N, C-alpha and C. Protein backbone atom coordinates (compact mmCIF):
# COMPACT_ATOMS: atom_id res chain seq x y z
N MET A 1 -30.94 46.99 -92.33
CA MET A 1 -31.97 46.60 -91.40
C MET A 1 -33.31 47.04 -91.95
N VAL A 2 -34.28 46.14 -91.90
CA VAL A 2 -35.60 46.42 -92.44
C VAL A 2 -36.63 46.14 -91.35
N ALA A 3 -37.38 47.17 -90.97
CA ALA A 3 -38.43 47.00 -89.97
C ALA A 3 -39.59 46.21 -90.57
N THR A 4 -40.15 45.32 -89.76
CA THR A 4 -41.30 44.53 -90.18
C THR A 4 -42.51 44.92 -89.33
N PRO A 5 -43.71 44.61 -89.79
CA PRO A 5 -44.92 45.01 -89.05
C PRO A 5 -45.03 44.35 -87.68
N ILE A 6 -45.71 45.04 -86.79
CA ILE A 6 -46.04 44.48 -85.48
C ILE A 6 -47.52 44.10 -85.55
N GLY A 7 -47.80 42.87 -85.90
CA GLY A 7 -49.18 42.38 -85.89
C GLY A 7 -49.91 42.42 -87.21
N ASN A 8 -49.85 43.50 -87.97
CA ASN A 8 -50.63 43.62 -89.19
C ASN A 8 -49.68 43.65 -90.39
N ALA A 9 -49.72 42.61 -91.20
CA ALA A 9 -48.80 42.48 -92.34
C ALA A 9 -48.88 43.65 -93.32
N ALA A 10 -49.98 44.35 -93.33
CA ALA A 10 -50.15 45.48 -94.25
C ALA A 10 -49.40 46.73 -93.78
N ASP A 11 -48.87 46.70 -92.57
CA ASP A 11 -48.16 47.87 -92.03
C ASP A 11 -46.72 48.00 -92.51
N ILE A 12 -46.28 47.15 -93.40
CA ILE A 12 -44.91 47.23 -93.92
C ILE A 12 -44.84 48.32 -94.99
N THR A 13 -43.69 48.99 -95.09
CA THR A 13 -43.58 50.07 -96.07
C THR A 13 -43.29 49.52 -97.47
N LEU A 14 -43.62 50.31 -98.47
CA LEU A 14 -43.32 49.93 -99.86
C LEU A 14 -41.82 49.81 -100.06
N ARG A 15 -41.06 50.69 -99.45
CA ARG A 15 -39.60 50.65 -99.56
C ARG A 15 -39.05 49.36 -98.93
N ALA A 16 -39.62 48.94 -97.82
CA ALA A 16 -39.19 47.70 -97.18
C ALA A 16 -39.46 46.51 -98.10
N LEU A 17 -40.64 46.47 -98.70
CA LEU A 17 -40.98 45.37 -99.61
C LEU A 17 -40.01 45.32 -100.78
N ASP A 18 -39.70 46.48 -101.36
CA ASP A 18 -38.77 46.55 -102.48
C ASP A 18 -37.38 46.06 -102.06
N THR A 19 -36.92 46.50 -100.90
CA THR A 19 -35.61 46.10 -100.40
C THR A 19 -35.56 44.59 -100.17
N LEU A 20 -36.60 44.03 -99.59
CA LEU A 20 -36.64 42.59 -99.32
C LEU A 20 -36.67 41.78 -100.61
N ARG A 21 -37.34 42.29 -101.64
CA ARG A 21 -37.36 41.60 -102.93
C ARG A 21 -35.98 41.62 -103.61
N ARG A 22 -35.28 42.74 -103.50
CA ARG A 22 -34.00 42.92 -104.19
C ARG A 22 -32.81 42.31 -103.44
N ALA A 23 -32.95 42.04 -102.16
CA ALA A 23 -31.84 41.51 -101.37
C ALA A 23 -31.42 40.14 -101.89
N ASP A 24 -30.15 39.81 -101.68
CA ASP A 24 -29.67 38.48 -102.02
C ASP A 24 -30.11 37.46 -100.98
N ALA A 25 -30.30 37.92 -99.74
CA ALA A 25 -30.76 37.05 -98.66
C ALA A 25 -31.39 37.90 -97.57
N ILE A 26 -32.27 37.27 -96.81
CA ILE A 26 -32.90 37.91 -95.66
C ILE A 26 -32.42 37.17 -94.41
N ALA A 27 -31.70 37.88 -93.55
CA ALA A 27 -31.27 37.31 -92.27
C ALA A 27 -32.40 37.55 -91.28
N CYS A 28 -32.88 36.47 -90.65
CA CYS A 28 -34.05 36.60 -89.80
C CYS A 28 -33.94 35.76 -88.53
N GLU A 29 -34.67 36.18 -87.50
CA GLU A 29 -34.70 35.47 -86.22
C GLU A 29 -35.30 34.08 -86.36
N ASP A 30 -36.49 34.03 -86.91
CA ASP A 30 -37.23 32.78 -87.04
C ASP A 30 -37.73 32.69 -88.48
N THR A 31 -37.17 31.77 -89.23
CA THR A 31 -37.52 31.68 -90.65
C THR A 31 -39.01 31.39 -90.86
N ARG A 32 -39.63 30.70 -89.92
CA ARG A 32 -41.06 30.40 -90.05
C ARG A 32 -41.91 31.66 -89.99
N VAL A 33 -41.56 32.55 -89.07
CA VAL A 33 -42.29 33.82 -88.92
C VAL A 33 -42.08 34.69 -90.16
N THR A 34 -40.82 34.80 -90.57
CA THR A 34 -40.50 35.62 -91.74
C THR A 34 -41.13 35.04 -93.00
N ALA A 35 -41.17 33.71 -93.12
CA ALA A 35 -41.77 33.07 -94.30
C ALA A 35 -43.25 33.44 -94.45
N LYS A 36 -43.96 33.52 -93.33
CA LYS A 36 -45.38 33.90 -93.40
C LYS A 36 -45.53 35.31 -93.96
N LEU A 37 -44.74 36.24 -93.44
CA LEU A 37 -44.82 37.63 -93.92
C LEU A 37 -44.41 37.74 -95.38
N MET A 38 -43.33 37.06 -95.75
CA MET A 38 -42.87 37.13 -97.14
C MET A 38 -43.90 36.48 -98.07
N GLY A 39 -44.52 35.40 -97.63
CA GLY A 39 -45.54 34.74 -98.43
C GLY A 39 -46.73 35.64 -98.70
N ILE A 40 -47.15 36.39 -97.71
CA ILE A 40 -48.27 37.33 -97.87
C ILE A 40 -47.96 38.36 -98.94
N HIS A 41 -46.68 38.77 -99.02
CA HIS A 41 -46.29 39.82 -99.96
C HIS A 41 -45.62 39.29 -101.22
N GLY A 42 -45.63 37.97 -101.41
CA GLY A 42 -45.09 37.38 -102.64
C GLY A 42 -43.58 37.56 -102.80
N ILE A 43 -42.85 37.55 -101.72
CA ILE A 43 -41.39 37.71 -101.76
C ILE A 43 -40.75 36.34 -101.61
N HIS A 44 -39.80 36.04 -102.50
CA HIS A 44 -39.19 34.70 -102.53
C HIS A 44 -37.68 34.74 -102.27
N THR A 45 -37.20 35.78 -101.66
CA THR A 45 -35.78 35.90 -101.33
C THR A 45 -35.39 34.82 -100.32
N PRO A 46 -34.24 34.17 -100.50
CA PRO A 46 -33.84 33.12 -99.55
C PRO A 46 -33.55 33.67 -98.16
N PHE A 47 -33.76 32.83 -97.15
CA PHE A 47 -33.54 33.22 -95.76
C PHE A 47 -32.22 32.67 -95.24
N VAL A 48 -31.66 33.40 -94.29
CA VAL A 48 -30.51 32.94 -93.51
C VAL A 48 -30.92 33.13 -92.05
N SER A 49 -30.82 32.09 -91.27
CA SER A 49 -31.20 32.17 -89.87
C SER A 49 -30.14 32.96 -89.08
N TYR A 50 -30.58 33.99 -88.35
CA TYR A 50 -29.67 34.80 -87.52
C TYR A 50 -30.41 35.15 -86.23
N HIS A 51 -30.01 34.50 -85.15
CA HIS A 51 -30.67 34.72 -83.86
C HIS A 51 -29.64 34.58 -82.75
N GLU A 52 -30.05 34.79 -81.51
CA GLU A 52 -29.09 34.83 -80.40
C GLU A 52 -28.30 33.53 -80.23
N HIS A 53 -28.82 32.41 -80.69
CA HIS A 53 -28.13 31.13 -80.49
C HIS A 53 -27.09 30.83 -81.58
N ASN A 54 -27.18 31.50 -82.74
CA ASN A 54 -26.19 31.24 -83.79
C ASN A 54 -25.48 32.52 -84.25
N ALA A 55 -25.77 33.63 -83.61
CA ALA A 55 -25.27 34.93 -84.06
C ALA A 55 -23.74 34.98 -84.14
N ALA A 56 -23.05 34.46 -83.14
CA ALA A 56 -21.58 34.52 -83.14
C ALA A 56 -21.00 33.77 -84.35
N LYS A 57 -21.61 32.66 -84.69
CA LYS A 57 -21.14 31.87 -85.84
C LYS A 57 -21.54 32.51 -87.17
N MET A 58 -22.72 33.13 -87.22
CA MET A 58 -23.23 33.67 -88.48
C MET A 58 -22.70 35.06 -88.84
N ARG A 59 -22.29 35.85 -87.84
CA ARG A 59 -21.81 37.20 -88.15
C ARG A 59 -20.69 37.19 -89.19
N PRO A 60 -19.63 36.38 -89.01
CA PRO A 60 -18.57 36.40 -90.03
C PRO A 60 -19.07 35.94 -91.40
N VAL A 61 -19.99 35.01 -91.42
CA VAL A 61 -20.55 34.53 -92.69
C VAL A 61 -21.29 35.66 -93.40
N LEU A 62 -22.15 36.36 -92.66
CA LEU A 62 -22.93 37.45 -93.26
C LEU A 62 -22.02 38.60 -93.70
N ILE A 63 -21.04 38.94 -92.88
CA ILE A 63 -20.12 40.03 -93.23
C ILE A 63 -19.31 39.63 -94.47
N GLY A 64 -18.90 38.38 -94.54
CA GLY A 64 -18.18 37.90 -95.73
C GLY A 64 -19.01 38.02 -96.99
N ARG A 65 -20.28 37.68 -96.88
CA ARG A 65 -21.17 37.80 -98.05
C ARG A 65 -21.34 39.25 -98.46
N MET A 66 -21.47 40.15 -97.46
CA MET A 66 -21.63 41.56 -97.78
C MET A 66 -20.35 42.13 -98.39
N LYS A 67 -19.19 41.71 -97.89
CA LYS A 67 -17.92 42.16 -98.46
C LYS A 67 -17.76 41.68 -99.89
N ALA A 68 -18.37 40.54 -100.21
CA ALA A 68 -18.32 40.00 -101.56
C ALA A 68 -19.33 40.68 -102.49
N GLY A 69 -20.07 41.66 -101.95
CA GLY A 69 -20.99 42.42 -102.79
C GLY A 69 -22.46 42.06 -102.66
N GLU A 70 -22.77 41.10 -101.82
CA GLU A 70 -24.17 40.72 -101.65
C GLU A 70 -24.89 41.71 -100.74
N SER A 71 -26.19 41.79 -100.95
CA SER A 71 -27.06 42.62 -100.12
C SER A 71 -27.83 41.71 -99.16
N ILE A 72 -27.63 41.93 -97.86
CA ILE A 72 -28.31 41.13 -96.85
C ILE A 72 -29.28 42.03 -96.11
N ALA A 73 -30.55 41.68 -96.09
CA ALA A 73 -31.57 42.43 -95.35
C ALA A 73 -31.77 41.74 -94.01
N LEU A 74 -31.57 42.48 -92.93
CA LEU A 74 -31.77 41.93 -91.59
C LEU A 74 -33.15 42.34 -91.10
N VAL A 75 -33.95 41.34 -90.70
CA VAL A 75 -35.28 41.61 -90.14
C VAL A 75 -35.39 40.93 -88.78
N THR A 76 -36.36 41.37 -88.02
CA THR A 76 -36.69 40.74 -86.76
C THR A 76 -38.10 40.16 -86.93
N ASP A 77 -38.55 39.38 -85.97
CA ASP A 77 -39.88 38.77 -86.10
C ASP A 77 -40.98 39.82 -86.18
N ALA A 78 -40.82 40.92 -85.48
CA ALA A 78 -41.81 42.00 -85.51
C ALA A 78 -41.13 43.28 -85.03
N GLY A 79 -41.20 44.31 -85.83
CA GLY A 79 -40.65 45.60 -85.42
C GLY A 79 -39.31 45.90 -86.05
N THR A 80 -38.56 46.75 -85.37
CA THR A 80 -37.29 47.24 -85.88
C THR A 80 -36.13 46.37 -85.39
N PRO A 81 -35.29 45.89 -86.31
CA PRO A 81 -34.13 45.12 -85.88
C PRO A 81 -33.23 45.93 -84.95
N LEU A 82 -32.51 45.24 -84.10
CA LEU A 82 -31.55 45.78 -83.14
C LEU A 82 -32.20 46.21 -81.84
N VAL A 83 -33.50 46.26 -81.76
CA VAL A 83 -34.16 46.58 -80.49
C VAL A 83 -34.41 45.25 -79.80
N SER A 84 -33.59 44.94 -78.81
CA SER A 84 -33.69 43.70 -78.04
C SER A 84 -33.43 42.45 -78.86
N ASP A 85 -32.50 42.49 -79.78
CA ASP A 85 -32.09 41.29 -80.50
C ASP A 85 -30.59 41.41 -80.81
N PRO A 86 -29.96 40.33 -81.30
CA PRO A 86 -28.50 40.36 -81.50
C PRO A 86 -28.04 41.15 -82.72
N GLY A 87 -28.93 41.81 -83.39
CA GLY A 87 -28.57 42.56 -84.59
C GLY A 87 -27.53 43.64 -84.35
N TYR A 88 -27.53 44.23 -83.15
CA TYR A 88 -26.57 45.31 -82.90
C TYR A 88 -25.14 44.82 -83.00
N LYS A 89 -24.90 43.56 -82.65
CA LYS A 89 -23.54 43.02 -82.74
C LYS A 89 -23.11 42.88 -84.20
N LEU A 90 -24.05 42.54 -85.07
CA LEU A 90 -23.76 42.46 -86.49
C LEU A 90 -23.42 43.86 -87.03
N VAL A 91 -24.21 44.84 -86.65
CA VAL A 91 -23.96 46.21 -87.11
C VAL A 91 -22.61 46.70 -86.58
N ARG A 92 -22.34 46.45 -85.31
CA ARG A 92 -21.07 46.86 -84.70
C ARG A 92 -19.89 46.28 -85.47
N GLU A 93 -19.97 45.00 -85.83
CA GLU A 93 -18.88 44.37 -86.56
C GLU A 93 -18.81 44.86 -88.01
N CYS A 94 -19.96 45.14 -88.61
CA CYS A 94 -19.96 45.71 -89.97
C CYS A 94 -19.24 47.06 -89.96
N VAL A 95 -19.56 47.90 -89.00
CA VAL A 95 -18.92 49.21 -88.89
C VAL A 95 -17.41 49.03 -88.71
N ALA A 96 -17.01 48.11 -87.84
CA ALA A 96 -15.58 47.86 -87.59
C ALA A 96 -14.87 47.35 -88.83
N GLU A 97 -15.58 46.60 -89.67
CA GLU A 97 -15.01 46.02 -90.89
C GLU A 97 -15.16 46.94 -92.10
N GLY A 98 -15.80 48.08 -91.92
CA GLY A 98 -15.98 49.02 -93.03
C GLY A 98 -17.08 48.63 -94.00
N VAL A 99 -18.00 47.80 -93.55
CA VAL A 99 -19.14 47.38 -94.39
C VAL A 99 -20.26 48.39 -94.19
N ALA A 100 -20.77 48.95 -95.28
CA ALA A 100 -21.83 49.94 -95.21
C ALA A 100 -23.12 49.31 -94.67
N VAL A 101 -23.77 50.02 -93.77
CA VAL A 101 -25.03 49.57 -93.17
C VAL A 101 -26.03 50.71 -93.26
N THR A 102 -27.26 50.35 -93.55
CA THR A 102 -28.33 51.34 -93.55
C THR A 102 -29.57 50.71 -92.93
N THR A 103 -30.54 51.55 -92.61
CA THR A 103 -31.77 51.02 -92.02
C THR A 103 -32.97 51.69 -92.67
N LEU A 104 -34.06 50.98 -92.69
CA LEU A 104 -35.32 51.52 -93.20
C LEU A 104 -36.25 51.72 -92.01
N PRO A 105 -36.93 52.84 -91.95
CA PRO A 105 -37.82 53.09 -90.81
C PRO A 105 -39.04 52.18 -90.84
N GLY A 106 -39.63 52.05 -89.67
CA GLY A 106 -40.83 51.24 -89.57
C GLY A 106 -41.26 51.08 -88.13
N ALA A 107 -42.02 50.05 -87.89
CA ALA A 107 -42.62 49.81 -86.58
C ALA A 107 -41.56 49.55 -85.51
N SER A 108 -41.82 50.09 -84.32
CA SER A 108 -40.98 49.86 -83.16
C SER A 108 -41.90 49.75 -81.95
N ALA A 109 -42.01 48.56 -81.36
CA ALA A 109 -42.93 48.33 -80.25
C ALA A 109 -42.71 49.28 -79.08
N PRO A 110 -41.46 49.57 -78.68
CA PRO A 110 -41.31 50.51 -77.56
C PRO A 110 -41.88 51.89 -77.86
N LEU A 111 -41.69 52.37 -79.08
CA LEU A 111 -42.24 53.69 -79.42
C LEU A 111 -43.76 53.67 -79.50
N VAL A 112 -44.31 52.58 -80.02
CA VAL A 112 -45.78 52.46 -80.05
C VAL A 112 -46.31 52.48 -78.62
N ALA A 113 -45.67 51.73 -77.71
CA ALA A 113 -46.10 51.70 -76.31
C ALA A 113 -46.00 53.08 -75.67
N LEU A 114 -44.92 53.78 -75.93
CA LEU A 114 -44.73 55.12 -75.37
C LEU A 114 -45.81 56.08 -75.88
N VAL A 115 -46.03 56.08 -77.17
CA VAL A 115 -47.02 57.00 -77.76
C VAL A 115 -48.41 56.73 -77.20
N LEU A 116 -48.77 55.46 -77.03
CA LEU A 116 -50.10 55.12 -76.53
C LEU A 116 -50.25 55.29 -75.02
N SER A 117 -49.14 55.45 -74.30
CA SER A 117 -49.20 55.52 -72.85
C SER A 117 -49.74 56.84 -72.32
N GLY A 118 -49.61 57.89 -73.09
CA GLY A 118 -49.99 59.21 -72.61
C GLY A 118 -48.91 59.85 -71.75
N LEU A 119 -47.77 59.18 -71.61
CA LEU A 119 -46.65 59.72 -70.84
C LEU A 119 -45.88 60.74 -71.69
N PRO A 120 -45.09 61.60 -71.07
CA PRO A 120 -44.29 62.55 -71.84
C PRO A 120 -43.35 61.79 -72.79
N THR A 121 -43.23 62.27 -74.01
CA THR A 121 -42.42 61.57 -75.00
C THR A 121 -41.12 62.28 -75.33
N ASP A 122 -40.83 63.38 -74.65
CA ASP A 122 -39.61 64.10 -74.97
C ASP A 122 -38.37 63.46 -74.37
N ARG A 123 -38.52 62.68 -73.30
CA ARG A 123 -37.41 61.95 -72.68
C ARG A 123 -37.95 60.64 -72.15
N PHE A 124 -37.25 59.54 -72.45
CA PHE A 124 -37.67 58.26 -71.90
C PHE A 124 -36.49 57.31 -71.85
N LEU A 125 -36.63 56.27 -71.03
CA LEU A 125 -35.64 55.22 -70.89
C LEU A 125 -36.27 53.92 -71.33
N PHE A 126 -35.58 53.18 -72.17
CA PHE A 126 -36.06 51.86 -72.60
C PHE A 126 -35.09 50.82 -72.09
N ALA A 127 -35.59 49.78 -71.43
CA ALA A 127 -34.72 48.72 -70.92
C ALA A 127 -35.39 47.37 -71.14
N ARG A 128 -34.62 46.42 -71.60
CA ARG A 128 -35.10 45.05 -71.72
C ARG A 128 -34.78 44.33 -70.42
N LEU A 129 -35.71 43.56 -69.93
CA LEU A 129 -35.51 42.84 -68.68
C LEU A 129 -34.67 41.59 -68.91
N PRO A 130 -33.51 41.46 -68.24
CA PRO A 130 -32.71 40.24 -68.35
C PRO A 130 -33.47 39.05 -67.76
N ALA A 131 -33.00 37.87 -68.08
CA ALA A 131 -33.69 36.65 -67.66
C ALA A 131 -33.62 36.39 -66.16
N GLN A 132 -32.51 36.66 -65.54
CA GLN A 132 -32.36 36.35 -64.12
C GLN A 132 -32.98 37.44 -63.26
N GLN A 133 -33.72 37.03 -62.24
CA GLN A 133 -34.45 37.96 -61.39
C GLN A 133 -33.54 39.00 -60.75
N GLU A 134 -32.39 38.60 -60.24
CA GLU A 134 -31.48 39.55 -59.58
C GLU A 134 -31.02 40.62 -60.57
N GLN A 135 -30.69 40.20 -61.78
CA GLN A 135 -30.25 41.15 -62.79
C GLN A 135 -31.39 42.10 -63.16
N ARG A 136 -32.60 41.54 -63.26
CA ARG A 136 -33.76 42.38 -63.58
C ARG A 136 -33.95 43.44 -62.52
N ALA A 137 -33.95 43.03 -61.27
CA ALA A 137 -34.19 43.97 -60.19
C ALA A 137 -33.10 45.03 -60.13
N ALA A 138 -31.84 44.62 -60.25
CA ALA A 138 -30.73 45.57 -60.19
C ALA A 138 -30.79 46.55 -61.36
N ARG A 139 -31.08 46.04 -62.54
CA ARG A 139 -31.16 46.90 -63.72
C ARG A 139 -32.30 47.90 -63.58
N HIS A 140 -33.43 47.42 -63.07
CA HIS A 140 -34.57 48.32 -62.88
C HIS A 140 -34.22 49.43 -61.89
N ARG A 141 -33.59 49.06 -60.79
CA ARG A 141 -33.21 50.07 -59.79
C ARG A 141 -32.28 51.12 -60.39
N ARG A 142 -31.28 50.64 -61.15
CA ARG A 142 -30.36 51.59 -61.80
C ARG A 142 -31.13 52.49 -62.75
N GLY A 143 -32.04 51.89 -63.53
CA GLY A 143 -32.82 52.66 -64.48
C GLY A 143 -33.69 53.69 -63.79
N THR A 144 -34.27 53.32 -62.65
CA THR A 144 -35.10 54.25 -61.90
C THR A 144 -34.28 55.45 -61.46
N GLU A 145 -33.08 55.19 -60.99
CA GLU A 145 -32.21 56.28 -60.53
C GLU A 145 -31.79 57.16 -61.70
N GLU A 146 -31.50 56.55 -62.83
CA GLU A 146 -30.97 57.29 -63.97
C GLU A 146 -32.04 58.08 -64.72
N ARG A 147 -33.29 57.65 -64.64
CA ARG A 147 -34.30 58.26 -65.50
C ARG A 147 -35.13 59.33 -64.82
N SER A 148 -34.69 59.83 -63.72
CA SER A 148 -35.45 60.84 -63.00
C SER A 148 -36.09 61.82 -63.99
N GLY A 149 -37.38 61.86 -63.98
CA GLY A 149 -38.09 62.75 -64.88
C GLY A 149 -38.35 62.16 -66.26
N HIS A 150 -37.96 60.92 -66.50
CA HIS A 150 -38.14 60.29 -67.80
C HIS A 150 -39.27 59.26 -67.73
N ALA A 151 -39.98 59.10 -68.82
CA ALA A 151 -40.93 57.99 -68.92
C ALA A 151 -40.10 56.71 -69.01
N GLY A 152 -40.56 55.65 -68.38
CA GLY A 152 -39.80 54.40 -68.41
C GLY A 152 -40.54 53.32 -69.18
N LEU A 153 -39.85 52.64 -70.07
CA LEU A 153 -40.40 51.53 -70.83
C LEU A 153 -39.61 50.29 -70.48
N LEU A 154 -40.25 49.29 -69.91
CA LEU A 154 -39.59 48.03 -69.60
C LEU A 154 -40.14 46.99 -70.56
N ARG A 155 -39.25 46.26 -71.25
CA ARG A 155 -39.68 45.22 -72.16
C ARG A 155 -39.46 43.88 -71.48
N GLY A 156 -40.48 43.08 -71.45
CA GLY A 156 -40.38 41.76 -70.87
C GLY A 156 -41.74 41.10 -70.85
N ARG A 157 -41.77 39.88 -70.40
CA ARG A 157 -43.05 39.18 -70.33
C ARG A 157 -43.92 39.84 -69.27
N ARG A 158 -45.18 39.95 -69.57
CA ARG A 158 -46.14 40.61 -68.68
C ARG A 158 -46.08 40.04 -67.26
N GLN A 159 -45.85 38.73 -67.14
CA GLN A 159 -45.82 38.09 -65.84
C GLN A 159 -44.61 38.56 -65.01
N ARG A 160 -43.53 38.99 -65.64
CA ARG A 160 -42.32 39.37 -64.93
C ARG A 160 -42.30 40.83 -64.50
N LEU A 161 -43.06 41.68 -65.15
CA LEU A 161 -42.99 43.10 -64.85
C LEU A 161 -43.30 43.45 -63.40
N PRO A 162 -44.37 42.90 -62.80
CA PRO A 162 -44.66 43.28 -61.41
C PRO A 162 -43.54 42.98 -60.43
N GLU A 163 -42.82 41.86 -60.60
CA GLU A 163 -41.77 41.52 -59.65
C GLU A 163 -40.59 42.48 -59.74
N VAL A 164 -40.45 43.16 -60.86
CA VAL A 164 -39.34 44.10 -61.03
C VAL A 164 -39.78 45.53 -60.72
N ALA A 165 -40.93 45.88 -61.20
CA ALA A 165 -41.39 47.27 -61.07
C ALA A 165 -42.14 47.52 -59.76
N GLY A 166 -42.33 46.50 -58.96
CA GLY A 166 -43.11 46.65 -57.74
C GLY A 166 -44.54 46.24 -58.01
N ARG A 167 -45.37 46.24 -56.97
CA ARG A 167 -46.76 45.85 -57.15
C ARG A 167 -47.43 46.85 -58.07
N PRO A 168 -48.00 46.40 -59.18
CA PRO A 168 -48.59 47.34 -60.11
C PRO A 168 -49.88 47.96 -59.57
N ARG A 169 -50.12 49.17 -59.99
CA ARG A 169 -51.40 49.80 -59.70
C ARG A 169 -51.94 50.33 -61.02
N ARG A 170 -53.22 50.23 -61.14
CA ARG A 170 -53.85 50.65 -62.39
C ARG A 170 -54.06 52.15 -62.34
N THR A 171 -53.66 52.81 -63.42
CA THR A 171 -53.87 54.25 -63.54
C THR A 171 -54.51 54.48 -64.90
N SER A 172 -54.94 55.68 -65.15
CA SER A 172 -55.50 55.94 -66.47
C SER A 172 -54.58 56.90 -67.21
N SER A 173 -54.43 56.64 -68.49
CA SER A 173 -53.57 57.47 -69.32
C SER A 173 -54.35 58.67 -69.81
N ALA A 174 -53.65 59.56 -70.48
CA ALA A 174 -54.29 60.76 -71.03
C ALA A 174 -55.36 60.38 -72.05
N ARG A 175 -55.23 59.23 -72.66
CA ARG A 175 -56.20 58.80 -73.67
C ARG A 175 -57.37 58.03 -73.03
N GLY A 176 -57.36 57.86 -71.71
CA GLY A 176 -58.44 57.16 -71.05
C GLY A 176 -58.26 55.65 -71.03
N ARG A 177 -57.15 55.16 -71.59
CA ARG A 177 -56.88 53.72 -71.57
C ARG A 177 -56.11 53.38 -70.31
N PRO A 178 -56.36 52.21 -69.73
CA PRO A 178 -55.61 51.86 -68.52
C PRO A 178 -54.16 51.56 -68.86
N ARG A 179 -53.29 51.79 -67.92
CA ARG A 179 -51.90 51.39 -68.04
C ARG A 179 -51.45 50.94 -66.67
N TRP A 180 -50.41 50.16 -66.63
CA TRP A 180 -49.91 49.63 -65.37
C TRP A 180 -48.63 50.35 -65.03
N ARG A 181 -48.50 50.72 -63.79
CA ARG A 181 -47.30 51.39 -63.33
C ARG A 181 -46.87 50.75 -62.03
N GLY A 182 -45.55 50.70 -61.83
CA GLY A 182 -45.04 50.20 -60.56
C GLY A 182 -45.17 51.26 -59.49
N ASN A 183 -45.16 50.83 -58.22
CA ASN A 183 -45.25 51.78 -57.10
C ASN A 183 -43.98 52.57 -56.96
């Protein structure tokens, strides 16, 4: 797994660039997004599309290639793979099949949000909002109960957060930047 930049193409690590150049293939969510980043850095490694709509079909293909000795670099459109994408299922199956997996550190949107929030960073809960409203609300309620004393990070479209977290109120963070919190 290779973390990619969140917004600024220059935020990629030298080790990530080297790994992407040396890989036999890059498995990516959206080949168009990955092509832009690779083009900026002069990387010409072939792409394999791997996203939630083809993941079940592609996992055996990718694992077969890795068992045959190929190196597959898994990237996401922005940030660290496996955070809110189907990559965890690939890793789970690799582990079950005895295929070695490693990851390279890099950008992670939830951690960036937490650090910039001014909230305590020693304990936090991260949850992705499911598509259906009932599931979102139920998951949020469970998370609220479970995270007593924890900072909460909800990932989802900005328009959906208020309906799950309650009517937002504007507060100020320790850094003086506004943040939105549910009631």
